[in-house]
Full PDB file with SEQRES, HELIX, SHEET, SSBOND, CRYST1, ORIGX, SCALE, CONECT and MASTER records, all heavy atoms in Angstrom:
SEQRES   1 A   45  CYS LYS TYR SER TYR PRO GLU GLU PRO GLY ASN ALA GLU          
SEQRES   2 A   45  VAL SER CYS LYS GLN GLY ASP SER ARG PHE ILE ILE GLU          
SEQRES   3 A   45  ILE VAL ASP SER GLY ILE PRO PHE ASP MET THR SER LEU          
SEQRES   4 A   45  PRO SER PRO ASP ILE THR                                      
HELIX    1 AA1 MET A   36  SER A   38  5                                   3    
SHEET    1 AA1 2 ALA A  12  GLY A  19  0                                        
SHEET    2 AA1 2 ARG A  22  ASP A  29 -1                                        
CRYST1    1.000    1.000    1.000  90.00  90.00  90.00 P 1           1          
ORIGX1      1.000000  0.000000  0.000000        0.00000                         
ORIGX2      0.000000  1.000000  0.000000        0.00000                         
ORIGX3      0.000000  0.000000  1.000000        0.00000                         
SCALE1      1.000000  0.000000  0.000000        0.00000                         
SCALE2      0.000000  1.000000  0.000000        0.00000                         
SCALE3      0.000000  0.000000  1.000000        0.00000                         
ATOM      1  N   CYS A   1       2.983  24.151  -9.984  1.00  0.00           N  
ATOM      2  CA  CYS A   1       3.807  24.544  -8.832  1.00  0.00           C  
ATOM      3  C   CYS A   1       3.494  25.961  -8.356  1.00  0.00           C  
ATOM      4  O   CYS A   1       3.485  26.231  -7.159  1.00  0.00           O  
ATOM      5  CB  CYS A   1       5.295  24.429  -9.171  1.00  0.00           C  
ATOM      6  SG  CYS A   1       5.863  22.725  -9.375  1.00  0.00           S  
ATOM      7  N   LYS A   2       3.230  26.854  -9.284  1.00  0.00           N  
ATOM      8  CA  LYS A   2       2.998  28.260  -8.915  1.00  0.00           C  
ATOM      9  C   LYS A   2       1.564  28.555  -8.476  1.00  0.00           C  
ATOM     10  O   LYS A   2       1.339  29.415  -7.638  1.00  0.00           O  
ATOM     11  CB  LYS A   2       3.355  29.171 -10.096  1.00  0.00           C  
ATOM     12  CG  LYS A   2       4.828  29.341 -10.314  1.00  0.00           C  
ATOM     13  CD  LYS A   2       5.061  30.377 -11.387  1.00  0.00           C  
ATOM     14  CE  LYS A   2       6.512  30.789 -11.430  1.00  0.00           C  
ATOM     15  NZ  LYS A   2       6.727  31.885 -12.382  1.00  0.00           N  
ATOM     16  N   TYR A   3       0.585  27.860  -9.084  1.00  0.00           N  
ATOM     17  CA  TYR A   3      -0.799  28.300  -8.897  1.00  0.00           C  
ATOM     18  C   TYR A   3      -1.762  27.265  -8.316  1.00  0.00           C  
ATOM     19  O   TYR A   3      -2.837  27.620  -7.847  1.00  0.00           O  
ATOM     20  CB  TYR A   3      -1.376  28.772 -10.241  1.00  0.00           C  
ATOM     21  CG  TYR A   3      -0.536  29.814 -10.908  1.00  0.00           C  
ATOM     22  CD1 TYR A   3       0.105  29.553 -12.111  1.00  0.00           C  
ATOM     23  CD2 TYR A   3      -0.353  31.067 -10.326  1.00  0.00           C  
ATOM     24  CE1 TYR A   3       0.891  30.507 -12.729  1.00  0.00           C  
ATOM     25  CE2 TYR A   3       0.437  32.030 -10.938  1.00  0.00           C  
ATOM     26  CZ  TYR A   3       1.051  31.742 -12.136  1.00  0.00           C  
ATOM     27  OH  TYR A   3       1.837  32.683 -12.745  1.00  0.00           O  
ATOM     28  N   SER A   4      -1.420  25.999  -8.335  1.00  0.00           N  
ATOM     29  CA  SER A   4      -2.382  24.972  -7.964  1.00  0.00           C  
ATOM     30  C   SER A   4      -2.666  24.904  -6.462  1.00  0.00           C  
ATOM     31  O   SER A   4      -3.755  24.535  -6.059  1.00  0.00           O  
ATOM     32  CB  SER A   4      -1.893  23.605  -8.463  1.00  0.00           C  
ATOM     33  OG  SER A   4      -2.925  22.670  -8.428  1.00  0.00           O  
ATOM     34  N   TYR A   5      -1.667  25.261  -5.675  1.00  0.00           N  
ATOM     35  CA  TYR A   5      -1.802  25.142  -4.221  1.00  0.00           C  
ATOM     36  C   TYR A   5      -1.556  26.492  -3.535  1.00  0.00           C  
ATOM     37  O   TYR A   5      -0.514  26.699  -2.931  1.00  0.00           O  
ATOM     38  CB  TYR A   5      -0.811  24.096  -3.677  1.00  0.00           C  
ATOM     39  CG  TYR A   5      -1.050  22.705  -4.204  1.00  0.00           C  
ATOM     40  CD1 TYR A   5      -0.266  22.175  -5.214  1.00  0.00           C  
ATOM     41  CD2 TYR A   5      -2.070  21.919  -3.671  1.00  0.00           C  
ATOM     42  CE1 TYR A   5      -0.480  20.887  -5.684  1.00  0.00           C  
ATOM     43  CE2 TYR A   5      -2.294  20.631  -4.138  1.00  0.00           C  
ATOM     44  CZ  TYR A   5      -1.496  20.128  -5.149  1.00  0.00           C  
ATOM     45  OH  TYR A   5      -1.717  18.849  -5.606  1.00  0.00           O  
ATOM     46  N   PRO A   6      -2.512  27.414  -3.604  1.00  0.00           N  
ATOM     47  CA  PRO A   6      -2.294  28.733  -3.008  1.00  0.00           C  
ATOM     48  C   PRO A   6      -2.338  28.731  -1.480  1.00  0.00           C  
ATOM     49  O   PRO A   6      -1.720  29.574  -0.842  1.00  0.00           O  
ATOM     50  CB  PRO A   6      -3.431  29.576  -3.582  1.00  0.00           C  
ATOM     51  CG  PRO A   6      -4.500  28.595  -3.920  1.00  0.00           C  
ATOM     52  CD  PRO A   6      -3.785  27.327  -4.289  1.00  0.00           C  
ATOM     53  N   GLU A   7      -3.037  27.791  -0.873  1.00  0.00           N  
ATOM     54  CA  GLU A   7      -3.229  27.774   0.578  1.00  0.00           C  
ATOM     55  C   GLU A   7      -2.229  26.880   1.302  1.00  0.00           C  
ATOM     56  O   GLU A   7      -1.657  27.252   2.303  1.00  0.00           O  
ATOM     57  CB  GLU A   7      -4.656  27.312   0.915  1.00  0.00           C  
ATOM     58  CG  GLU A   7      -5.745  28.181   0.315  1.00  0.00           C  
ATOM     59  CD  GLU A   7      -5.779  29.572   0.909  1.00  0.00           C  
ATOM     60  OE1 GLU A   7      -5.601  29.709   2.126  1.00  0.00           O  
ATOM     61  OE2 GLU A   7      -5.986  30.530   0.129  1.00  0.00           O  
ATOM     62  N   GLU A   8      -2.075  25.671   0.814  1.00  0.00           N  
ATOM     63  CA  GLU A   8      -1.211  24.708   1.485  1.00  0.00           C  
ATOM     64  C   GLU A   8      -0.483  23.886   0.429  1.00  0.00           C  
ATOM     65  O   GLU A   8      -0.946  23.750  -0.694  1.00  0.00           O  
ATOM     66  CB  GLU A   8      -2.015  23.792   2.397  1.00  0.00           C  
ATOM     67  CG  GLU A   8      -3.126  23.048   1.697  1.00  0.00           C  
ATOM     68  CD  GLU A   8      -4.021  22.304   2.665  1.00  0.00           C  
ATOM     69  OE1 GLU A   8      -4.517  22.922   3.610  1.00  0.00           O  
ATOM     70  OE2 GLU A   8      -4.215  21.108   2.464  1.00  0.00           O  
ATOM     71  N   PRO A   9       0.677  23.327   0.781  1.00  0.00           N  
ATOM     72  CA  PRO A   9       1.439  22.563  -0.206  1.00  0.00           C  
ATOM     73  C   PRO A   9       0.730  21.276  -0.607  1.00  0.00           C  
ATOM     74  O   PRO A   9      -0.100  20.748   0.130  1.00  0.00           O  
ATOM     75  CB  PRO A   9       2.763  22.261   0.503  1.00  0.00           C  
ATOM     76  CG  PRO A   9       2.549  22.553   1.944  1.00  0.00           C  
ATOM     77  CD  PRO A   9       1.329  23.405   2.078  1.00  0.00           C  
ATOM     78  N   GLY A  10       1.077  20.807  -1.770  1.00  0.00           N  
ATOM     79  CA  GLY A  10       0.523  19.561  -2.271  1.00  0.00           C  
ATOM     80  C   GLY A  10       1.501  18.888  -3.211  1.00  0.00           C  
ATOM     81  O   GLY A  10       2.614  19.364  -3.401  1.00  0.00           O  
ATOM     82  N   ASN A  11       1.074  17.814  -3.815  1.00  0.00           N  
ATOM     83  CA  ASN A  11       1.935  17.039  -4.708  1.00  0.00           C  
ATOM     84  C   ASN A  11       1.470  17.120  -6.148  1.00  0.00           C  
ATOM     85  O   ASN A  11       0.334  17.506  -6.426  1.00  0.00           O  
ATOM     86  CB  ASN A  11       1.945  15.563  -4.289  1.00  0.00           C  
ATOM     87  CG  ASN A  11       2.727  15.329  -3.018  1.00  0.00           C  
ATOM     88  OD1 ASN A  11       3.388  16.219  -2.499  1.00  0.00           O  
ATOM     89  ND2 ASN A  11       2.652  14.115  -2.513  1.00  0.00           N  
ATOM     90  N   ALA A  12       2.361  16.713  -7.030  1.00  0.00           N  
ATOM     91  CA  ALA A  12       2.028  16.492  -8.433  1.00  0.00           C  
ATOM     92  C   ALA A  12       2.614  15.141  -8.814  1.00  0.00           C  
ATOM     93  O   ALA A  12       3.758  14.837  -8.484  1.00  0.00           O  
ATOM     94  CB  ALA A  12       2.586  17.593  -9.318  1.00  0.00           C  
ATOM     95  N   GLU A  13       1.803  14.351  -9.455  1.00  0.00           N  
ATOM     96  CA  GLU A  13       2.234  13.025  -9.883  1.00  0.00           C  
ATOM     97  C   GLU A  13       2.327  13.013 -11.401  1.00  0.00           C  
ATOM     98  O   GLU A  13       1.374  13.364 -12.093  1.00  0.00           O  
ATOM     99  CB  GLU A  13       1.215  11.977  -9.422  1.00  0.00           C  
ATOM    100  CG  GLU A  13       1.559  10.577  -9.807  1.00  0.00           C  
ATOM    101  CD  GLU A  13       0.554   9.563  -9.281  1.00  0.00           C  
ATOM    102  OE1 GLU A  13      -0.443   9.959  -8.649  1.00  0.00           O  
ATOM    103  OE2 GLU A  13       0.771   8.380  -9.525  1.00  0.00           O  
ATOM    104  N   VAL A  14       3.484  12.640 -11.897  1.00  0.00           N  
ATOM    105  CA  VAL A  14       3.722  12.585 -13.338  1.00  0.00           C  
ATOM    106  C   VAL A  14       3.922  11.132 -13.734  1.00  0.00           C  
ATOM    107  O   VAL A  14       4.758  10.434 -13.162  1.00  0.00           O  
ATOM    108  CB  VAL A  14       4.956  13.428 -13.725  1.00  0.00           C  
ATOM    109  CG1 VAL A  14       5.243  13.301 -15.213  1.00  0.00           C  
ATOM    110  CG2 VAL A  14       4.758  14.893 -13.342  1.00  0.00           C  
ATOM    111  N   SER A  15       3.132  10.700 -14.703  1.00  0.00           N  
ATOM    112  CA  SER A  15       3.234   9.330 -15.211  1.00  0.00           C  
ATOM    113  C   SER A  15       3.438   9.365 -16.716  1.00  0.00           C  
ATOM    114  O   SER A  15       2.916  10.253 -17.400  1.00  0.00           O  
ATOM    115  CB  SER A  15       1.950   8.546 -14.926  1.00  0.00           C  
ATOM    116  OG  SER A  15       1.676   8.504 -13.555  1.00  0.00           O  
ATOM    117  N   CYS A  16       4.174   8.406 -17.221  1.00  0.00           N  
ATOM    118  CA  CYS A  16       4.306   8.202 -18.659  1.00  0.00           C  
ATOM    119  C   CYS A  16       3.642   6.877 -18.981  1.00  0.00           C  
ATOM    120  O   CYS A  16       3.871   5.880 -18.293  1.00  0.00           O  
ATOM    121  CB  CYS A  16       5.772   8.159 -19.078  1.00  0.00           C  
ATOM    122  SG  CYS A  16       6.626   9.715 -18.890  1.00  0.00           S  
ATOM    123  N   LYS A  17       2.829   6.910 -20.018  1.00  0.00           N  
ATOM    124  CA  LYS A  17       2.104   5.708 -20.415  1.00  0.00           C  
ATOM    125  C   LYS A  17       2.268   5.493 -21.912  1.00  0.00           C  
ATOM    126  O   LYS A  17       2.378   6.450 -22.676  1.00  0.00           O  
ATOM    127  CB  LYS A  17       0.626   5.848 -20.059  1.00  0.00           C  
ATOM    128  CG  LYS A  17       0.408   6.044 -18.571  1.00  0.00           C  
ATOM    129  CD  LYS A  17      -1.037   6.246 -18.227  1.00  0.00           C  
ATOM    130  CE  LYS A  17      -1.155   6.453 -16.714  1.00  0.00           C  
ATOM    131  NZ  LYS A  17      -2.520   6.467 -16.277  1.00  0.00           N  
ATOM    132  N   GLN A  18       2.254   4.231 -22.300  1.00  0.00           N  
ATOM    133  CA  GLN A  18       2.373   3.878 -23.703  1.00  0.00           C  
ATOM    134  C   GLN A  18       1.117   3.134 -24.113  1.00  0.00           C  
ATOM    135  O   GLN A  18       0.683   2.213 -23.420  1.00  0.00           O  
ATOM    136  CB  GLN A  18       3.590   2.994 -23.915  1.00  0.00           C  
ATOM    137  CG  GLN A  18       3.728   2.478 -25.319  1.00  0.00           C  
ATOM    138  CD  GLN A  18       4.811   1.423 -25.426  1.00  0.00           C  
ATOM    139  OE1 GLN A  18       5.574   1.203 -24.505  1.00  0.00           O  
ATOM    140  NE2 GLN A  18       4.853   0.756 -26.558  1.00  0.00           N  
ATOM    141  N   GLY A  19       0.548   3.559 -25.211  1.00  0.00           N  
ATOM    142  CA  GLY A  19      -0.615   2.879 -25.745  1.00  0.00           C  
ATOM    143  C   GLY A  19      -0.596   2.941 -27.250  1.00  0.00           C  
ATOM    144  O   GLY A  19      -0.485   4.014 -27.825  1.00  0.00           O  
ATOM    145  N   ASP A  20      -0.669   1.801 -27.896  1.00  0.00           N  
ATOM    146  CA  ASP A  20      -0.633   1.722 -29.361  1.00  0.00           C  
ATOM    147  C   ASP A  20       0.479   2.622 -29.902  1.00  0.00           C  
ATOM    148  O   ASP A  20       1.628   2.410 -29.622  1.00  0.00           O  
ATOM    149  CB  ASP A  20      -1.997   2.071 -29.957  1.00  0.00           C  
ATOM    150  CG  ASP A  20      -3.088   1.102 -29.508  1.00  0.00           C  
ATOM    151  OD1 ASP A  20      -2.767  -0.070 -29.248  1.00  0.00           O  
ATOM    152  OD2 ASP A  20      -4.253   1.521 -29.408  1.00  0.00           O  
ATOM    153  N   SER A  21       0.123   3.641 -30.635  1.00  0.00           N  
ATOM    154  CA  SER A  21       1.132   4.535 -31.216  1.00  0.00           C  
ATOM    155  C   SER A  21       1.193   5.866 -30.469  1.00  0.00           C  
ATOM    156  O   SER A  21       1.598   6.877 -31.028  1.00  0.00           O  
ATOM    157  CB  SER A  21       0.818   4.772 -32.692  1.00  0.00           C  
ATOM    158  OG  SER A  21      -0.435   5.411 -32.813  1.00  0.00           O  
ATOM    159  N   ARG A  22       0.797   5.849 -29.205  1.00  0.00           N  
ATOM    160  CA  ARG A  22       0.751   7.092 -28.431  1.00  0.00           C  
ATOM    161  C   ARG A  22       1.631   7.001 -27.188  1.00  0.00           C  
ATOM    162  O   ARG A  22       1.729   5.955 -26.549  1.00  0.00           O  
ATOM    163  CB  ARG A  22      -0.678   7.405 -28.005  1.00  0.00           C  
ATOM    164  CG  ARG A  22      -1.620   7.551 -29.175  1.00  0.00           C  
ATOM    165  CD  ARG A  22      -3.047   7.798 -28.755  1.00  0.00           C  
ATOM    166  NE  ARG A  22      -3.484   6.824 -27.770  1.00  0.00           N  
ATOM    167  CZ  ARG A  22      -4.416   7.066 -26.850  1.00  0.00           C  
ATOM    168  NH1 ARG A  22      -5.007   8.227 -26.790  1.00  0.00           N  
ATOM    169  NH2 ARG A  22      -4.762   6.141 -25.989  1.00  0.00           N  
ATOM    170  N   PHE A  23       2.232   8.114 -26.853  1.00  0.00           N  
ATOM    171  CA  PHE A  23       2.997   8.289 -25.621  1.00  0.00           C  
ATOM    172  C   PHE A  23       2.242   9.345 -24.838  1.00  0.00           C  
ATOM    173  O   PHE A  23       2.013  10.454 -25.347  1.00  0.00           O  
ATOM    174  CB  PHE A  23       4.420   8.759 -25.960  1.00  0.00           C  
ATOM    175  CG  PHE A  23       5.308   8.982 -24.769  1.00  0.00           C  
ATOM    176  CD1 PHE A  23       5.776   7.921 -24.011  1.00  0.00           C  
ATOM    177  CD2 PHE A  23       5.713  10.269 -24.430  1.00  0.00           C  
ATOM    178  CE1 PHE A  23       6.622   8.130 -22.929  1.00  0.00           C  
ATOM    179  CE2 PHE A  23       6.563  10.488 -23.361  1.00  0.00           C  
ATOM    180  CZ  PHE A  23       7.015   9.417 -22.605  1.00  0.00           C  
ATOM    181  N   ILE A  24       1.794   9.015 -23.638  1.00  0.00           N  
ATOM    182  CA  ILE A  24       0.945   9.924 -22.866  1.00  0.00           C  
ATOM    183  C   ILE A  24       1.639  10.283 -21.562  1.00  0.00           C  
ATOM    184  O   ILE A  24       2.080   9.411 -20.820  1.00  0.00           O  
ATOM    185  CB  ILE A  24      -0.428   9.290 -22.574  1.00  0.00           C  
ATOM    186  CG1 ILE A  24      -1.139   8.978 -23.892  1.00  0.00           C  
ATOM    187  CG2 ILE A  24      -1.283  10.212 -21.695  1.00  0.00           C  
ATOM    188  CD1 ILE A  24      -2.373   8.124 -23.739  1.00  0.00           C  
ATOM    189  N   ILE A  25       1.716  11.576 -21.320  1.00  0.00           N  
ATOM    190  CA  ILE A  25       2.206  12.076 -20.039  1.00  0.00           C  
ATOM    191  C   ILE A  25       0.977  12.509 -19.265  1.00  0.00           C  
ATOM    192  O   ILE A  25       0.210  13.364 -19.724  1.00  0.00           O  
ATOM    193  CB  ILE A  25       3.158  13.271 -20.216  1.00  0.00           C  
ATOM    194  CG1 ILE A  25       4.340  12.868 -21.095  1.00  0.00           C  
ATOM    195  CG2 ILE A  25       3.626  13.791 -18.857  1.00  0.00           C  
ATOM    196  CD1 ILE A  25       5.135  14.032 -21.612  1.00  0.00           C  
ATOM    197  N   GLU A  26       0.769  11.900 -18.111  1.00  0.00           N  
ATOM    198  CA  GLU A  26      -0.373  12.239 -17.269  1.00  0.00           C  
ATOM    199  C   GLU A  26       0.139  12.958 -16.032  1.00  0.00           C  
ATOM    200  O   GLU A  26       1.037  12.469 -15.353  1.00  0.00           O  
ATOM    201  CB  GLU A  26      -1.143  10.987 -16.873  1.00  0.00           C  
ATOM    202  CG  GLU A  26      -2.389  11.296 -16.057  1.00  0.00           C  
ATOM    203  CD  GLU A  26      -3.211  10.055 -15.798  1.00  0.00           C  
ATOM    204  OE1 GLU A  26      -2.856   9.326 -14.852  1.00  0.00           O  
ATOM    205  OE2 GLU A  26      -4.185   9.825 -16.534  1.00  0.00           O  
ATOM    206  N   ILE A  27      -0.435  14.129 -15.767  1.00  0.00           N  
ATOM    207  CA  ILE A  27      -0.059  14.928 -14.602  1.00  0.00           C  
ATOM    208  C   ILE A  27      -1.297  15.060 -13.724  1.00  0.00           C  
ATOM    209  O   ILE A  27      -2.340  15.522 -14.173  1.00  0.00           O  
ATOM    210  CB  ILE A  27       0.450  16.318 -15.012  1.00  0.00           C  
ATOM    211  CG1 ILE A  27       1.579  16.187 -16.044  1.00  0.00           C  
ATOM    212  CG2 ILE A  27       0.918  17.098 -13.787  1.00  0.00           C  
ATOM    213  CD1 ILE A  27       1.966  17.492 -16.710  1.00  0.00           C  
ATOM    214  N   VAL A  28      -1.160  14.639 -12.467  1.00  0.00           N  
ATOM    215  CA  VAL A  28      -2.291  14.644 -11.539  1.00  0.00           C  
ATOM    216  C   VAL A  28      -1.928  15.480 -10.321  1.00  0.00           C  
ATOM    217  O   VAL A  28      -0.843  15.323  -9.756  1.00  0.00           O  
ATOM    218  CB  VAL A  28      -2.651  13.202 -11.088  1.00  0.00           C  
ATOM    219  CG1 VAL A  28      -3.801  13.216 -10.099  1.00  0.00           C  
ATOM    220  CG2 VAL A  28      -2.971  12.329 -12.292  1.00  0.00           C  
ATOM    221  N   ASP A  29      -2.837  16.376  -9.939  1.00  0.00           N  
ATOM    222  CA  ASP A  29      -2.660  17.141  -8.700  1.00  0.00           C  
ATOM    223  C   ASP A  29      -4.020  17.334  -8.047  1.00  0.00           C  
ATOM    224  O   ASP A  29      -5.044  17.191  -8.696  1.00  0.00           O  
ATOM    225  CB  ASP A  29      -1.973  18.492  -8.960  1.00  0.00           C  
ATOM    226  CG  ASP A  29      -2.870  19.479  -9.688  1.00  0.00           C  
ATOM    227  OD1 ASP A  29      -3.687  20.137  -9.012  1.00  0.00           O  
ATOM    228  OD2 ASP A  29      -2.763  19.613 -10.919  1.00  0.00           O  
ATOM    229  N   SER A  30      -3.989  17.626  -6.748  1.00  0.00           N  
ATOM    230  CA  SER A  30      -5.248  17.823  -6.015  1.00  0.00           C  
ATOM    231  C   SER A  30      -5.456  19.293  -5.672  1.00  0.00           C  
ATOM    232  O   SER A  30      -6.180  19.618  -4.743  1.00  0.00           O  
ATOM    233  CB  SER A  30      -5.254  16.972  -4.743  1.00  0.00           C  
ATOM    234  OG  SER A  30      -4.172  17.345  -3.910  1.00  0.00           O  
ATOM    235  N   GLY A  31      -4.842  20.161  -6.445  1.00  0.00           N  
ATOM    236  CA  GLY A  31      -4.968  21.598  -6.219  1.00  0.00           C  
ATOM    237  C   GLY A  31      -6.298  22.140  -6.726  1.00  0.00           C  
ATOM    238  O   GLY A  31      -7.226  21.386  -7.046  1.00  0.00           O  
ATOM    239  N   ILE A  32      -6.367  23.460  -6.820  1.00  0.00           N  
ATOM    240  CA  ILE A  32      -7.603  24.092  -7.268  1.00  0.00           C  
ATOM    241  C   ILE A  32      -7.925  23.654  -8.701  1.00  0.00           C  
ATOM    242  O   ILE A  32      -7.014  23.441  -9.504  1.00  0.00           O  
ATOM    243  CB  ILE A  32      -7.526  25.635  -7.157  1.00  0.00           C  
ATOM    244  CG1 ILE A  32      -6.374  26.194  -7.987  1.00  0.00           C  
ATOM    245  CG2 ILE A  32      -7.398  26.072  -5.717  1.00  0.00           C  
ATOM    246  CD1 ILE A  32      -6.320  27.698  -8.045  1.00  0.00           C  
ATOM    247  N   PRO A  33      -9.192  23.486  -9.027  1.00  0.00           N  
ATOM    248  CA  PRO A  33      -9.563  23.069 -10.378  1.00  0.00           C  
ATOM    249  C   PRO A  33      -9.108  24.090 -11.414  1.00  0.00           C  
ATOM    250  O   PRO A  33      -9.272  25.300 -11.212  1.00  0.00           O  
ATOM    251  CB  PRO A  33     -11.089  23.000 -10.340  1.00  0.00           C  
ATOM    252  CG  PRO A  33     -11.441  22.879  -8.902  1.00  0.00           C  
ATOM    253  CD  PRO A  33     -10.366  23.610  -8.153  1.00  0.00           C  
ATOM    254  N   PHE A  34      -8.508  23.593 -12.495  1.00  0.00           N  
ATOM    255  CA  PHE A  34      -8.086  24.487 -13.577  1.00  0.00           C  
ATOM    256  C   PHE A  34      -8.067  23.711 -14.880  1.00  0.00           C  
ATOM    257  O   PHE A  34      -7.240  22.831 -15.083  1.00  0.00           O  
ATOM    258  CB  PHE A  34      -6.703  25.083 -13.304  1.00  0.00           C  
ATOM    259  CG  PHE A  34      -6.212  25.965 -14.421  1.00  0.00           C  
ATOM    260  CD1 PHE A  34      -6.860  27.147 -14.720  1.00  0.00           C  
ATOM    261  CD2 PHE A  34      -5.121  25.593 -15.186  1.00  0.00           C  
ATOM    262  CE1 PHE A  34      -6.433  27.955 -15.760  1.00  0.00           C  
ATOM    263  CE2 PHE A  34      -4.679  26.399 -16.231  1.00  0.00           C  
ATOM    264  CZ  PHE A  34      -5.338  27.585 -16.519  1.00  0.00           C  
ATOM    265  N   ASP A  35      -8.989  24.051 -15.755  1.00  0.00           N  
ATOM    266  CA  ASP A  35      -9.087  23.397 -17.062  1.00  0.00           C  
ATOM    267  C   ASP A  35      -8.456  24.286 -18.121  1.00  0.00           C  
ATOM    268  O   ASP A  35      -9.101  25.161 -18.683  1.00  0.00           O  
ATOM    269  CB  ASP A  35     -10.548  23.117 -17.397  1.00  0.00           C  
ATOM    270  CG  ASP A  35     -10.717  22.446 -18.744  1.00  0.00           C  
ATOM    271  OD1 ASP A  35      -9.702  22.142 -19.414  1.00  0.00           O  
ATOM    272  OD2 ASP A  35     -11.875  22.221 -19.148  1.00  0.00           O  
ATOM    273  N   MET A  36      -7.187  24.059 -18.392  1.00  0.00           N  
ATOM    274  CA  MET A  36      -6.484  24.873 -19.369  1.00  0.00           C  
ATOM    275  C   MET A  36      -7.028  24.688 -20.780  1.00  0.00           C  
ATOM    276  O   MET A  36      -6.883  25.567 -21.623  1.00  0.00           O  
ATOM    277  CB  MET A  36      -4.994  24.580 -19.346  1.00  0.00           C  
ATOM    278  CG  MET A  36      -4.619  23.206 -19.805  1.00  0.00           C  
ATOM    279  SD  MET A  36      -2.848  22.984 -19.797  1.00  0.00           S  
ATOM    280  CE  MET A  36      -2.525  23.043 -21.529  1.00  0.00           C  
ATOM    281  N   THR A  37      -7.702  23.567 -21.032  1.00  0.00           N  
ATOM    282  CA  THR A  37      -8.227  23.330 -22.372  1.00  0.00           C  
ATOM    283  C   THR A  37      -9.425  24.227 -22.680  1.00  0.00           C  
ATOM    284  O   THR A  37      -9.785  24.380 -23.838  1.00  0.00           O  
ATOM    285  CB  THR A  37      -8.630  21.855 -22.563  1.00  0.00           C  
ATOM    286  OG1 THR A  37      -9.703  21.534 -21.677  1.00  0.00           O  
ATOM    287  CG2 THR A  37      -7.449  20.926 -22.309  1.00  0.00           C  
ATOM    288  N   SER A  38     -10.026  24.806 -21.657  1.00  0.00           N  
ATOM    289  CA  SER A  38     -11.199  25.654 -21.881  1.00  0.00           C  
ATOM    290  C   SER A  38     -10.825  27.097 -22.194  1.00  0.00           C  
ATOM    291  O   SER A  38     -11.690  27.892 -22.562  1.00  0.00           O  
ATOM    292  CB  SER A  38     -12.110  25.629 -20.653  1.00  0.00           C  
ATOM    293  OG  SER A  38     -11.488  26.276 -19.567  1.00  0.00           O  
ATOM    294  N   LEU A  39      -9.549  27.436 -22.044  1.00  0.00           N  
ATOM    295  CA  LEU A  39      -9.122  28.809 -22.301  1.00  0.00           C  
ATOM    296  C   LEU A  39      -8.958  29.061 -23.790  1.00  0.00           C  
ATOM    297  O   LEU A  39      -8.462  28.205 -24.523  1.00  0.00           O  
ATOM    298  CB  LEU A  39      -7.798  29.099 -21.594  1.00  0.00           C  
ATOM    299  CG  LEU A  39      -7.808  29.007 -20.082  1.00  0.00           C  
ATOM    300  CD1 LEU A  39      -6.408  29.255 -19.540  1.00  0.00           C  
ATOM    301  CD2 LEU A  39      -8.780  30.000 -19.491  1.00  0.00           C  
ATOM    302  N   PRO A  40      -9.350  30.257 -24.257  1.00  0.00           N  
ATOM    303  CA  PRO A  40      -9.147  30.574 -25.676  1.00  0.00           C  
ATOM    304  C   PRO A  40      -7.656  30.791 -25.951  1.00  0.00           C  
ATOM    305  O   PRO A  40      -6.884  31.111 -25.047  1.00  0.00           O  
ATOM    306  CB  PRO A  40      -9.932  31.877 -25.861  1.00  0.00           C  
ATOM    307  CG  PRO A  40      -9.961  32.494 -24.503  1.00  0.00           C  
ATOM    308  CD  PRO A  40      -9.967  31.347 -23.525  1.00  0.00           C  
ATOM    309  N   SER A  41      -7.280  30.606 -27.179  1.00  0.00           N  
ATOM    310  CA  SER A  41      -5.892  30.869 -27.569  1.00  0.00           C  
ATOM    311  C   SER A  41      -5.619  32.359 -27.437  1.00  0.00           C  
ATOM    312  O   SER A  41      -6.492  33.190 -27.701  1.00  0.00           O  
ATOM    313  CB  SER A  41      -5.650  30.439 -29.013  1.00  0.00           C  
ATOM    314  OG  SER A  41      -5.768  29.044 -29.116  1.00  0.00           O  
ATOM    315  N   PRO A  42      -4.393  32.711 -27.035  1.00  0.00           N  
ATOM    316  CA  PRO A  42      -4.076  34.131 -26.894  1.00  0.00           C  
ATOM    317  C   PRO A  42      -3.962  34.805 -28.259  1.00  0.00           C  
ATOM    318  O   PRO A  42      -3.735  34.139 -29.277  1.00  0.00           O  
ATOM    319  CB  PRO A  42      -2.720  34.111 -26.182  1.00  0.00           C  
ATOM    320  CG  PRO A  42      -2.113  32.810 -26.568  1.00  0.00           C  
ATOM    321  CD  PRO A  42      -3.267  31.852 -26.714  1.00  0.00           C  
ATOM    322  N   ASP A  43      -4.118  36.099 -28.258  1.00  0.00           N  
ATOM    323  CA  ASP A  43      -3.954  36.891 -29.473  1.00  0.00           C  
ATOM    324  C   ASP A  43      -2.460  37.056 -29.727  1.00  0.00           C  
ATOM    325  O   ASP A  43      -1.782  37.787 -29.015  1.00  0.00           O  
ATOM    326  CB  ASP A  43      -4.632  38.252 -29.297  1.00  0.00           C  
ATOM    327  CG  ASP A  43      -4.419  39.168 -30.495  1.00  0.00           C  
ATOM    328  OD1 ASP A  43      -3.915  38.692 -31.532  1.00  0.00           O  
ATOM    329  OD2 ASP A  43      -4.745  40.354 -30.375  1.00  0.00           O  
ATOM    330  N   ILE A  44      -1.968  36.352 -30.725  1.00  0.00           N  
ATOM    331  CA  ILE A  44      -0.536  36.453 -31.016  1.00  0.00           C  
ATOM    332  C   ILE A  44      -0.265  37.336 -32.229  1.00  0.00           C  
ATOM    333  O   ILE A  44       0.866  37.446 -32.684  1.00  0.00           O  
ATOM    334  CB  ILE A  44       0.100  35.058 -31.225  1.00  0.00           C  
ATOM    335  CG1 ILE A  44      -0.627  34.291 -32.325  1.00  0.00           C  
ATOM    336  CG2 ILE A  44       0.101  34.264 -29.930  1.00  0.00           C  
ATOM    337  CD1 ILE A  44       0.060  33.003 -32.737  1.00  0.00           C  
ATOM    338  N   THR A  45      -1.336  37.990 -32.721  1.00  0.00           N  
ATOM    339  CA  THR A  45      -1.164  38.875 -33.880  1.00  0.00           C  
ATOM    340  C   THR A  45      -0.970  40.328 -33.471  1.00  0.00           C  
ATOM    341  O   THR A  45      -0.397  41.103 -34.215  1.00  0.00           O  
ATOM    342  CB  THR A  45      -2.373  38.765 -34.831  1.00  0.00           C  
ATOM    343  OG1 THR A  45      -3.562  39.140 -34.112  1.00  0.00           O  
ATOM    344  CG2 THR A  45      -2.518  37.354 -35.357  1.00  0.00           C  
TER     345      THR A  45                                                      
MASTER        0    0    0    1    2    0    0    6  344    1    0    4          
END                                                                             
């Protein structure tokens, strides 16, 4: 909501899915690309 759409408004789609022993929340948006998984963990020490 804060960072994905800096120029124009957009949507976010939230889905819940069930598979085997997993519960998956899928969030889809068409905003600017952002791969949070590629960021290093912060220094919490």
